[in-house]
Amino acid sequence: MSARAVVKAFYNLDLAKSEDAINMFDKDCQLHWNSSKGYIALDHDGIKAKLQDIRQSFVTFTYKLSHLLKENDTITARYTAYAATIERPDEIEPIAHFISIWEVKNGLLYKGYEISQLFDENPQSLSSF
């Protein structure tokens, strides 16, 4: 599978329902994430824990890709995350906007650099995705 196909396949998952999403990550993976709450670095175990948290907290957790750009084995994705909580399973709401850069190694997500900000309802922001 090409690097672009690997990243696209990951963002096509519903993380609240996918028990094997962790299998898309290399055992030595790293994710460097700058969010509105600050910087965190996650290794394979940290990503696995985040995925478990998602499955416990949401009935659906999906992405809508707006851009997927490729340069060699590095893929840049721009997307919005959508989710429905266990408390409100019928209300799928946007959570946050992201830009991620992924290095793919041996067909697996290897090194990620991510920046996110909480969803905002500004019409100009909404139309940019």
N, C-alpha and C. Protein backbone atom coordinates (compact mmCIF):
# COMPACT_ATOMS: atom_id res chain seq x y z
N MET A 1 0.85 -1.17 0.00
CA MET A 1 0.00 0.00 0.00
C MET A 1 0.90 1.24 0.00
N SER A 2 0.55 2.23 -0.81
CA SER A 2 1.34 3.45 -0.88
C SER A 2 1.19 4.25 0.42
N ALA A 3 2.13 5.17 0.65
CA ALA A 3 2.08 6.00 1.86
C ALA A 3 0.77 6.79 1.90
N ARG A 4 0.36 7.32 0.76
CA ARG A 4 -0.89 8.09 0.69
C ARG A 4 -2.07 7.18 1.05
N ALA A 5 -2.08 5.97 0.53
CA ALA A 5 -3.18 5.03 0.81
C ALA A 5 -3.22 4.65 2.29
N VAL A 6 -2.06 4.52 2.93
CA VAL A 6 -2.00 4.19 4.35
C VAL A 6 -2.65 5.30 5.18
N VAL A 7 -2.25 6.54 4.92
CA VAL A 7 -2.80 7.68 5.67
C VAL A 7 -4.29 7.83 5.39
N LYS A 8 -4.68 7.71 4.14
CA LYS A 8 -6.10 7.83 3.79
C LYS A 8 -6.91 6.74 4.48
N ALA A 9 -6.39 5.52 4.51
CA ALA A 9 -7.10 4.41 5.16
C ALA A 9 -7.29 4.70 6.65
N PHE A 10 -6.27 5.26 7.30
CA PHE A 10 -6.42 5.59 8.71
C PHE A 10 -7.52 6.62 8.93
N TYR A 11 -7.52 7.69 8.13
CA TYR A 11 -8.51 8.74 8.32
C TYR A 11 -9.90 8.35 7.82
N ASN A 12 -10.02 7.22 7.17
CA ASN A 12 -11.33 6.70 6.78
C ASN A 12 -11.94 5.82 7.86
N LEU A 13 -11.19 5.52 8.91
CA LEU A 13 -11.69 4.68 10.00
C LEU A 13 -12.66 5.45 10.89
N ASP A 14 -13.55 4.72 11.53
CA ASP A 14 -14.33 5.27 12.64
C ASP A 14 -13.60 4.77 13.89
N LEU A 15 -12.84 5.64 14.52
CA LEU A 15 -11.97 5.22 15.63
C LEU A 15 -12.75 4.73 16.84
N ALA A 16 -14.02 5.09 16.95
CA ALA A 16 -14.82 4.60 18.07
C ALA A 16 -15.22 3.15 17.87
N LYS A 17 -15.14 2.68 16.64
CA LYS A 17 -15.58 1.32 16.33
C LYS A 17 -14.44 0.40 15.90
N SER A 18 -13.29 0.97 15.61
CA SER A 18 -12.16 0.18 15.10
C SER A 18 -11.25 -0.27 16.24
N GLU A 19 -11.29 -1.55 16.53
CA GLU A 19 -10.44 -2.09 17.59
C GLU A 19 -9.02 -2.36 17.12
N ASP A 20 -8.80 -2.36 15.81
CA ASP A 20 -7.47 -2.68 15.31
C ASP A 20 -6.75 -1.48 14.68
N ALA A 21 -7.21 -0.27 14.94
CA ALA A 21 -6.56 0.93 14.39
C ALA A 21 -5.09 1.00 14.80
N ILE A 22 -4.77 0.51 15.98
CA ILE A 22 -3.39 0.56 16.45
C ILE A 22 -2.46 -0.23 15.54
N ASN A 23 -3.00 -1.19 14.81
CA ASN A 23 -2.17 -1.99 13.90
C ASN A 23 -1.68 -1.20 12.71
N MET A 24 -2.17 0.01 12.53
CA MET A 24 -1.71 0.87 11.44
C MET A 24 -0.46 1.66 11.83
N PHE A 25 -0.01 1.52 13.08
CA PHE A 25 1.13 2.26 13.60
C PHE A 25 2.33 1.34 13.79
N ASP A 26 3.49 1.83 13.41
CA ASP A 26 4.75 1.13 13.64
C ASP A 26 4.99 1.03 15.15
N LYS A 27 5.61 -0.03 15.60
CA LYS A 27 5.90 -0.21 17.04
C LYS A 27 6.78 0.90 17.60
N ASP A 28 7.59 1.53 16.74
CA ASP A 28 8.47 2.63 17.17
C ASP A 28 7.91 4.00 16.81
N CYS A 29 6.61 4.08 16.60
CA CYS A 29 6.01 5.34 16.14
C CYS A 29 6.11 6.43 17.21
N GLN A 30 6.01 7.64 16.71
CA GLN A 30 5.98 8.83 17.56
C GLN A 30 4.96 9.80 16.99
N LEU A 31 4.23 10.45 17.85
CA LEU A 31 3.31 11.51 17.45
C LEU A 31 3.62 12.74 18.28
N HIS A 32 3.95 13.82 17.61
CA HIS A 32 4.21 15.11 18.26
C HIS A 32 2.99 15.99 17.97
N TRP A 33 2.23 16.32 19.01
CA TRP A 33 0.94 16.98 18.84
C TRP A 33 0.91 18.31 19.59
N ASN A 34 0.69 19.37 18.84
CA ASN A 34 0.48 20.70 19.41
C ASN A 34 -1.02 20.99 19.33
N SER A 35 -1.66 21.08 20.48
CA SER A 35 -3.10 21.34 20.52
C SER A 35 -3.36 22.63 21.27
N SER A 36 -4.62 22.99 21.37
CA SER A 36 -4.99 24.19 22.12
C SER A 36 -4.68 24.03 23.61
N LYS A 37 -4.43 22.79 24.04
CA LYS A 37 -4.09 22.53 25.44
C LYS A 37 -2.59 22.41 25.66
N GLY A 38 -1.80 22.53 24.59
CA GLY A 38 -0.35 22.43 24.72
C GLY A 38 0.23 21.29 23.92
N TYR A 39 1.50 21.01 24.14
CA TYR A 39 2.24 20.00 23.39
C TYR A 39 2.26 18.67 24.15
N ILE A 40 2.05 17.59 23.40
CA ILE A 40 2.26 16.25 23.96
C ILE A 40 2.99 15.40 22.92
N ALA A 41 3.77 14.48 23.42
CA ALA A 41 4.44 13.51 22.57
C ALA A 41 3.93 12.13 22.97
N LEU A 42 3.53 11.35 21.98
CA LEU A 42 3.00 10.02 22.23
C LEU A 42 3.83 8.97 21.50
N ASP A 43 4.11 7.87 22.17
CA ASP A 43 4.73 6.72 21.52
C ASP A 43 3.61 5.72 21.23
N HIS A 44 3.97 4.52 20.82
CA HIS A 44 2.98 3.50 20.47
C HIS A 44 2.00 3.26 21.62
N ASP A 45 2.50 3.12 22.84
CA ASP A 45 1.62 2.89 23.99
C ASP A 45 0.70 4.08 24.24
N GLY A 46 1.21 5.29 24.08
CA GLY A 46 0.39 6.48 24.27
C GLY A 46 -0.70 6.60 23.23
N ILE A 47 -0.38 6.27 21.98
CA ILE A 47 -1.39 6.29 20.92
C ILE A 47 -2.44 5.22 21.18
N LYS A 48 -1.99 4.05 21.61
CA LYS A 48 -2.91 2.95 21.92
C LYS A 48 -3.88 3.38 23.02
N ALA A 49 -3.38 4.05 24.05
CA ALA A 49 -4.23 4.52 25.14
C ALA A 49 -5.24 5.56 24.64
N LYS A 50 -4.81 6.48 23.77
CA LYS A 50 -5.72 7.48 23.21
C LYS A 50 -6.83 6.81 22.41
N LEU A 51 -6.47 5.81 21.61
CA LEU A 51 -7.47 5.09 20.82
C LEU A 51 -8.46 4.37 21.73
N GLN A 52 -7.98 3.80 22.82
CA GLN A 52 -8.88 3.13 23.78
C GLN A 52 -9.82 4.14 24.42
N ASP A 53 -9.29 5.32 24.76
CA ASP A 53 -10.13 6.38 25.34
C ASP A 53 -11.25 6.79 24.37
N ILE A 54 -10.91 6.89 23.10
CA ILE A 54 -11.91 7.25 22.09
C ILE A 54 -13.01 6.20 22.04
N ARG A 55 -12.63 4.93 22.03
CA ARG A 55 -13.63 3.85 21.96
C ARG A 55 -14.53 3.83 23.20
N GLN A 56 -14.01 4.27 24.34
CA GLN A 56 -14.81 4.29 25.57
C GLN A 56 -15.71 5.52 25.67
N SER A 57 -15.33 6.62 25.02
CA SER A 57 -16.05 7.88 25.20
C SER A 57 -17.02 8.22 24.08
N PHE A 58 -16.84 7.62 22.91
CA PHE A 58 -17.63 8.02 21.75
C PHE A 58 -18.29 6.81 21.09
N VAL A 59 -19.45 7.05 20.48
CA VAL A 59 -20.09 6.00 19.68
C VAL A 59 -19.65 6.09 18.23
N THR A 60 -19.19 7.26 17.83
CA THR A 60 -18.59 7.45 16.51
C THR A 60 -17.52 8.53 16.61
N PHE A 61 -16.43 8.35 15.88
CA PHE A 61 -15.35 9.33 15.84
C PHE A 61 -14.71 9.22 14.46
N THR A 62 -15.06 10.16 13.58
CA THR A 62 -14.61 10.09 12.19
C THR A 62 -13.94 11.40 11.78
N TYR A 63 -13.37 11.36 10.59
CA TYR A 63 -12.69 12.52 10.03
C TYR A 63 -13.26 12.86 8.66
N LYS A 64 -13.24 14.13 8.33
CA LYS A 64 -13.56 14.58 6.98
C LYS A 64 -12.30 15.25 6.44
N LEU A 65 -11.67 14.59 5.48
CA LEU A 65 -10.45 15.11 4.87
C LEU A 65 -10.78 16.22 3.88
N SER A 66 -10.01 17.29 3.91
CA SER A 66 -10.15 18.33 2.89
C SER A 66 -8.92 18.34 1.98
N HIS A 67 -7.76 17.91 2.50
CA HIS A 67 -6.53 17.88 1.71
C HIS A 67 -5.72 16.64 2.10
N LEU A 68 -5.08 16.05 1.11
CA LEU A 68 -4.18 14.93 1.34
C LEU A 68 -3.06 15.07 0.31
N LEU A 69 -1.91 15.55 0.77
CA LEU A 69 -0.79 15.87 -0.11
C LEU A 69 0.37 14.91 0.13
N LYS A 70 1.05 14.52 -0.96
CA LYS A 70 2.11 13.52 -0.87
C LYS A 70 3.43 14.09 -1.37
N GLU A 71 4.48 13.81 -0.62
CA GLU A 71 5.84 14.06 -1.06
C GLU A 71 6.70 12.89 -0.58
N ASN A 72 7.09 12.03 -1.50
CA ASN A 72 7.80 10.79 -1.19
C ASN A 72 6.96 9.95 -0.24
N ASP A 73 7.50 9.57 0.92
CA ASP A 73 6.74 8.79 1.89
C ASP A 73 6.21 9.65 3.03
N THR A 74 6.08 10.94 2.77
CA THR A 74 5.53 11.87 3.75
C THR A 74 4.20 12.40 3.22
N ILE A 75 3.18 12.34 4.06
CA ILE A 75 1.83 12.73 3.66
C ILE A 75 1.34 13.81 4.62
N THR A 76 0.77 14.87 4.05
CA THR A 76 0.15 15.93 4.85
C THR A 76 -1.36 15.83 4.68
N ALA A 77 -2.05 15.82 5.80
CA ALA A 77 -3.51 15.72 5.80
C ALA A 77 -4.11 16.91 6.54
N ARG A 78 -5.15 17.46 5.98
CA ARG A 78 -5.92 18.53 6.63
C ARG A 78 -7.34 18.00 6.76
N TYR A 79 -7.90 18.08 7.97
CA TYR A 79 -9.19 17.44 8.21
C TYR A 79 -9.88 18.01 9.44
N THR A 80 -11.14 17.65 9.57
CA THR A 80 -11.93 17.99 10.75
C THR A 80 -12.39 16.68 11.38
N ALA A 81 -12.30 16.59 12.70
CA ALA A 81 -12.78 15.42 13.43
C ALA A 81 -14.22 15.65 13.86
N TYR A 82 -15.05 14.61 13.71
CA TYR A 82 -16.46 14.63 14.10
C TYR A 82 -16.71 13.48 15.06
N ALA A 83 -17.57 13.71 16.04
CA ALA A 83 -17.84 12.65 17.01
C ALA A 83 -19.25 12.77 17.59
N ALA A 84 -19.73 11.61 18.05
CA ALA A 84 -20.95 11.55 18.84
C ALA A 84 -20.59 10.88 20.16
N THR A 85 -20.95 11.51 21.24
CA THR A 85 -20.63 10.97 22.57
C THR A 85 -21.62 9.89 22.97
N ILE A 86 -21.24 9.14 23.97
CA ILE A 86 -22.13 8.12 24.51
C ILE A 86 -23.40 8.77 25.08
N GLU A 87 -23.24 9.95 25.65
CA GLU A 87 -24.39 10.64 26.24
C GLU A 87 -25.36 11.17 25.18
N ARG A 88 -24.85 11.52 24.01
CA ARG A 88 -25.69 12.04 22.91
C ARG A 88 -25.35 11.30 21.61
N PRO A 89 -25.70 10.03 21.52
CA PRO A 89 -25.28 9.21 20.39
C PRO A 89 -25.86 9.63 19.04
N ASP A 90 -26.95 10.38 19.04
CA ASP A 90 -27.58 10.78 17.78
C ASP A 90 -27.10 12.13 17.27
N GLU A 91 -26.18 12.76 17.99
CA GLU A 91 -25.70 14.09 17.61
C GLU A 91 -24.21 14.03 17.24
N ILE A 92 -23.95 13.96 15.98
CA ILE A 92 -22.55 13.99 15.50
C ILE A 92 -22.15 15.44 15.35
N GLU A 93 -21.11 15.82 16.07
CA GLU A 93 -20.68 17.21 16.10
C GLU A 93 -19.21 17.34 15.72
N PRO A 94 -18.85 18.45 15.09
CA PRO A 94 -17.43 18.69 14.81
C PRO A 94 -16.70 18.97 16.12
N ILE A 95 -15.49 18.42 16.22
CA ILE A 95 -14.70 18.57 17.45
C ILE A 95 -13.56 19.56 17.25
N ALA A 96 -12.76 19.33 16.21
CA ALA A 96 -11.56 20.15 16.01
C ALA A 96 -11.08 20.04 14.57
N HIS A 97 -10.28 21.04 14.18
CA HIS A 97 -9.60 21.04 12.87
C HIS A 97 -8.15 20.62 13.11
N PHE A 98 -7.60 19.87 12.17
CA PHE A 98 -6.24 19.36 12.29
C PHE A 98 -5.46 19.53 10.98
N ILE A 99 -4.16 19.63 11.13
CA ILE A 99 -3.21 19.40 10.04
C ILE A 99 -2.17 18.45 10.60
N SER A 100 -1.96 17.36 9.88
CA SER A 100 -1.00 16.35 10.31
C SER A 100 -0.04 16.03 9.19
N ILE A 101 1.18 15.80 9.55
CA ILE A 101 2.21 15.35 8.62
C ILE A 101 2.67 13.99 9.12
N TRP A 102 2.56 12.98 8.26
CA TRP A 102 2.93 11.62 8.65
C TRP A 102 4.05 11.09 7.77
N GLU A 103 5.06 10.54 8.40
CA GLU A 103 6.06 9.75 7.71
C GLU A 103 5.58 8.30 7.78
N VAL A 104 5.57 7.63 6.65
CA VAL A 104 5.13 6.24 6.60
C VAL A 104 6.36 5.37 6.37
N LYS A 105 6.47 4.31 7.15
CA LYS A 105 7.62 3.40 7.07
C LYS A 105 7.09 1.97 7.03
N ASN A 106 7.50 1.23 6.01
CA ASN A 106 7.06 -0.17 5.86
C ASN A 106 5.54 -0.31 5.89
N GLY A 107 4.84 0.65 5.29
CA GLY A 107 3.39 0.57 5.21
C GLY A 107 2.66 0.92 6.49
N LEU A 108 3.36 1.52 7.46
CA LEU A 108 2.76 1.87 8.75
C LEU A 108 3.01 3.34 9.09
N LEU A 109 2.12 3.93 9.86
CA LEU A 109 2.32 5.29 10.34
C LEU A 109 3.50 5.27 11.32
N TYR A 110 4.50 6.09 11.04
CA TYR A 110 5.74 6.01 11.79
C TYR A 110 6.01 7.25 12.63
N LYS A 111 6.02 8.40 11.99
CA LYS A 111 6.32 9.63 12.71
C LYS A 111 5.30 10.69 12.31
N GLY A 112 4.59 11.23 13.30
CA GLY A 112 3.55 12.21 13.02
C GLY A 112 3.81 13.54 13.70
N TYR A 113 3.44 14.59 13.00
CA TYR A 113 3.53 15.96 13.52
C TYR A 113 2.15 16.56 13.29
N GLU A 114 1.50 16.96 14.39
CA GLU A 114 0.10 17.34 14.30
C GLU A 114 -0.13 18.66 15.02
N ILE A 115 -1.01 19.45 14.45
CA ILE A 115 -1.44 20.68 15.10
C ILE A 115 -2.96 20.73 14.99
N SER A 116 -3.61 21.12 16.07
CA SER A 116 -5.07 21.16 16.07
C SER A 116 -5.57 22.38 16.81
N GLN A 117 -6.80 22.74 16.47
CA GLN A 117 -7.49 23.77 17.23
C GLN A 117 -8.95 23.38 17.31
N LEU A 118 -9.58 23.78 18.39
CA LEU A 118 -10.97 23.45 18.58
C LEU A 118 -11.81 23.99 17.43
N PHE A 119 -12.88 23.28 17.12
CA PHE A 119 -13.79 23.67 16.07
C PHE A 119 -14.37 25.04 16.40
N ASP A 120 -14.50 25.86 15.38
CA ASP A 120 -15.16 27.15 15.59
C ASP A 120 -16.22 27.32 14.50
N GLU A 121 -17.32 27.93 14.86
CA GLU A 121 -18.47 28.01 13.97
C GLU A 121 -18.46 29.22 13.06
N ASN A 122 -17.35 29.90 12.96
CA ASN A 122 -17.23 31.03 12.06
C ASN A 122 -17.49 30.56 10.63
N PRO A 123 -18.40 31.19 9.90
CA PRO A 123 -18.74 30.75 8.54
C PRO A 123 -17.52 30.68 7.61
N GLN A 124 -16.59 31.61 7.74
CA GLN A 124 -15.39 31.57 6.90
C GLN A 124 -14.54 30.35 7.23
N SER A 125 -14.45 30.04 8.49
CA SER A 125 -13.69 28.85 8.91
C SER A 125 -14.35 27.60 8.38
N LEU A 126 -15.67 27.51 8.50
CA LEU A 126 -16.40 26.33 8.05
C LEU A 126 -16.23 26.11 6.55
N SER A 127 -16.25 27.19 5.78
CA SER A 127 -16.16 27.04 4.33
C SER A 127 -14.73 26.76 3.86
N SER A 128 -13.76 26.89 4.75
CA SER A 128 -12.38 26.64 4.35
C SER A 128 -12.02 25.16 4.42
N PHE A 129 -12.92 24.33 4.96
CA PHE A 129 -12.67 22.90 5.08
C PHE A 129 -13.56 22.13 4.12
